[in-house]
N, C-alpha and C. Protein backbone atom coordinates (compact mmCIF):
# COMPACT_ATOMS: atom_id res chain seq x y z
N MET A 1 14.83 112.17 317.03
CA MET A 1 13.98 111.33 316.22
C MET A 1 14.27 111.59 314.76
N GLY A 2 13.76 110.72 313.92
CA GLY A 2 13.90 110.87 312.47
C GLY A 2 12.90 111.86 311.91
N LYS A 3 13.07 112.15 310.65
CA LYS A 3 12.23 113.17 309.95
C LYS A 3 10.71 112.76 310.00
N TYR A 4 10.45 111.52 309.68
CA TYR A 4 9.04 111.12 309.61
C TYR A 4 8.39 110.91 310.98
N THR A 5 9.14 110.47 311.95
CA THR A 5 8.60 110.35 313.29
C THR A 5 8.32 111.69 313.89
N ASP A 6 9.18 112.71 313.62
CA ASP A 6 8.96 114.05 314.08
C ASP A 6 7.68 114.61 313.45
N MET A 7 7.51 114.39 312.18
CA MET A 7 6.30 114.84 311.44
C MET A 7 5.03 114.20 312.04
N ALA A 8 5.08 112.89 312.29
CA ALA A 8 3.94 112.20 312.83
C ALA A 8 3.60 112.74 314.24
N TRP A 9 4.67 112.97 315.07
CA TRP A 9 4.43 113.49 316.42
C TRP A 9 3.74 114.84 316.33
N ARG A 10 4.17 115.73 315.42
CA ARG A 10 3.58 117.06 315.30
C ARG A 10 2.07 116.93 314.83
N LEU A 11 1.79 116.03 313.91
CA LEU A 11 0.46 115.88 313.46
C LEU A 11 -0.44 115.36 314.58
N ARG A 12 0.08 114.49 315.40
CA ARG A 12 -0.77 113.97 316.51
C ARG A 12 -1.05 115.03 317.54
N GLN A 13 -0.24 116.05 317.67
CA GLN A 13 -0.48 117.14 318.63
C GLN A 13 -1.53 118.11 318.12
N GLN A 14 -1.83 118.12 316.85
CA GLN A 14 -2.76 119.07 316.32
C GLN A 14 -4.19 118.70 316.68
N PRO A 15 -5.07 119.61 316.82
CA PRO A 15 -6.46 119.29 317.10
C PRO A 15 -7.08 118.56 315.90
N LEU A 16 -8.08 117.70 316.16
CA LEU A 16 -8.72 116.95 315.10
C LEU A 16 -9.50 117.93 314.19
N PRO A 17 -9.52 117.67 312.86
CA PRO A 17 -10.21 118.56 311.93
C PRO A 17 -11.73 118.55 312.17
N GLU A 18 -12.25 117.44 312.55
CA GLU A 18 -13.66 117.28 312.90
C GLU A 18 -13.81 115.96 313.63
N ASN A 19 -14.90 115.72 314.26
CA ASN A 19 -15.09 114.52 315.02
C ASN A 19 -15.52 113.32 314.19
N ARG A 20 -16.12 113.57 313.02
CA ARG A 20 -16.65 112.48 312.16
C ARG A 20 -16.16 112.71 310.71
N VAL A 21 -15.83 111.66 310.03
CA VAL A 21 -15.48 111.63 308.64
C VAL A 21 -16.21 110.49 307.97
N ASP A 22 -17.12 110.83 307.10
CA ASP A 22 -17.93 109.83 306.40
C ASP A 22 -18.61 108.83 307.35
N GLY A 23 -19.11 109.31 308.47
CA GLY A 23 -19.82 108.48 309.42
C GLY A 23 -18.93 107.71 310.38
N HIS A 24 -17.64 107.93 310.33
CA HIS A 24 -16.66 107.23 311.26
C HIS A 24 -16.20 108.31 312.29
N ASP A 25 -16.27 107.86 313.56
CA ASP A 25 -15.76 108.74 314.65
C ASP A 25 -14.25 108.80 314.56
N VAL A 26 -13.66 109.97 314.51
CA VAL A 26 -12.23 110.13 314.42
C VAL A 26 -11.66 110.20 315.83
N VAL A 27 -10.86 109.24 316.17
CA VAL A 27 -10.20 109.20 317.51
C VAL A 27 -8.79 109.78 317.36
N GLU A 28 -8.09 109.48 316.32
CA GLU A 28 -6.68 109.94 316.15
C GLU A 28 -6.40 110.14 314.66
N VAL A 29 -5.76 111.25 314.33
CA VAL A 29 -5.33 111.52 312.98
C VAL A 29 -3.86 111.05 312.92
N LEU A 30 -3.55 110.05 312.05
CA LEU A 30 -2.21 109.53 311.97
C LEU A 30 -1.40 110.34 310.94
N LEU A 31 -2.01 110.70 309.85
CA LEU A 31 -1.31 111.45 308.78
C LEU A 31 -2.30 112.26 307.99
N GLU A 32 -1.93 113.54 307.77
CA GLU A 32 -2.80 114.40 306.95
C GLU A 32 -1.97 115.21 305.99
N THR A 33 -2.33 115.19 304.75
CA THR A 33 -1.70 116.03 303.74
C THR A 33 -2.77 116.85 303.10
N ASP A 34 -2.40 117.65 302.10
CA ASP A 34 -3.43 118.44 301.42
C ASP A 34 -4.29 117.54 300.52
N ARG A 35 -3.90 116.33 300.23
CA ARG A 35 -4.67 115.43 299.36
C ARG A 35 -5.45 114.36 300.12
N MET A 36 -5.00 113.94 301.30
CA MET A 36 -5.64 112.83 301.97
C MET A 36 -5.42 112.88 303.48
N ILE A 37 -6.14 112.05 304.17
CA ILE A 37 -6.01 111.96 305.60
C ILE A 37 -6.14 110.45 306.00
N ILE A 38 -5.30 110.05 306.89
CA ILE A 38 -5.41 108.67 307.46
C ILE A 38 -5.67 108.84 308.94
N PHE A 39 -6.75 108.13 309.37
CA PHE A 39 -7.21 108.29 310.73
C PHE A 39 -7.66 106.98 311.33
N ARG A 40 -7.75 106.92 312.67
CA ARG A 40 -8.21 105.76 313.37
C ARG A 40 -9.60 106.10 313.94
N ASP A 41 -10.54 105.13 313.77
CA ASP A 41 -11.88 105.34 314.29
C ASP A 41 -12.03 104.76 315.72
N SER A 42 -13.21 104.91 316.25
CA SER A 42 -13.45 104.48 317.65
C SER A 42 -13.32 102.97 317.83
N ASP A 43 -13.41 102.20 316.79
CA ASP A 43 -13.26 100.75 316.80
C ASP A 43 -11.84 100.30 316.64
N GLY A 44 -10.90 101.22 316.41
CA GLY A 44 -9.50 100.90 316.24
C GLY A 44 -9.09 100.63 314.79
N ARG A 45 -10.05 100.78 313.86
CA ARG A 45 -9.71 100.53 312.44
C ARG A 45 -9.09 101.77 311.81
N LEU A 46 -8.22 101.57 310.82
CA LEU A 46 -7.59 102.67 310.11
C LEU A 46 -8.32 102.94 308.82
N TRP A 47 -8.49 104.22 308.49
CA TRP A 47 -9.20 104.64 307.31
C TRP A 47 -8.41 105.71 306.53
N ARG A 48 -8.56 105.70 305.23
CA ARG A 48 -7.91 106.74 304.37
C ARG A 48 -8.98 107.47 303.58
N ARG A 49 -8.96 108.78 303.62
CA ARG A 49 -9.93 109.58 302.89
C ARG A 49 -9.17 110.42 301.87
N VAL A 50 -9.52 110.24 300.60
CA VAL A 50 -8.87 111.10 299.56
C VAL A 50 -9.87 112.21 299.27
N HIS A 51 -9.39 113.45 299.57
CA HIS A 51 -10.23 114.69 299.46
C HIS A 51 -10.80 114.90 298.06
N ALA A 52 -9.97 114.75 297.04
CA ALA A 52 -10.37 115.00 295.68
C ALA A 52 -11.47 114.08 295.19
N TRP A 53 -11.46 112.86 295.71
CA TRP A 53 -12.54 111.88 295.32
C TRP A 53 -13.70 111.92 296.25
N GLY A 54 -13.50 112.43 297.46
CA GLY A 54 -14.57 112.51 298.45
C GLY A 54 -15.02 111.11 298.91
N MET A 55 -14.04 110.14 298.97
CA MET A 55 -14.30 108.81 299.39
C MET A 55 -13.39 108.38 300.49
N THR A 56 -13.83 107.40 301.28
CA THR A 56 -13.02 106.85 302.38
C THR A 56 -12.91 105.35 302.18
N TRP A 57 -11.70 104.76 302.39
CA TRP A 57 -11.46 103.34 302.27
C TRP A 57 -10.78 102.87 303.55
N PRO A 58 -11.02 101.55 303.91
CA PRO A 58 -10.21 101.03 305.03
C PRO A 58 -8.78 100.82 304.60
N VAL A 59 -7.88 100.98 305.57
CA VAL A 59 -6.45 100.72 305.28
C VAL A 59 -6.08 99.34 305.71
N THR A 60 -5.47 98.58 304.82
CA THR A 60 -4.98 97.24 305.16
C THR A 60 -3.49 97.24 305.30
N ILE A 61 -2.96 96.73 306.41
CA ILE A 61 -1.57 96.70 306.63
C ILE A 61 -1.15 95.28 306.60
N LYS A 62 -0.19 94.95 305.74
CA LYS A 62 0.37 93.55 305.63
C LYS A 62 1.74 93.50 306.20
N VAL A 63 2.06 92.53 306.96
CA VAL A 63 3.42 92.33 307.54
C VAL A 63 3.99 91.18 306.80
N TRP A 64 5.16 91.36 306.25
CA TRP A 64 5.84 90.32 305.47
C TRP A 64 6.61 89.43 306.37
């Protein structure tokens, strides 16, 4: 696999940091860095939390 798919696979194998982030149930962590985390909630929505700001936003994916 490629560099980023290997990294994503390793992150998915790690245990979840906690079950809830800002009131959202964390089902799957898609990406986590020292600055932010992108996760999927129990409703299937994607969220991004920026640790320095202490805020969480929904992730919008646009396909061209």
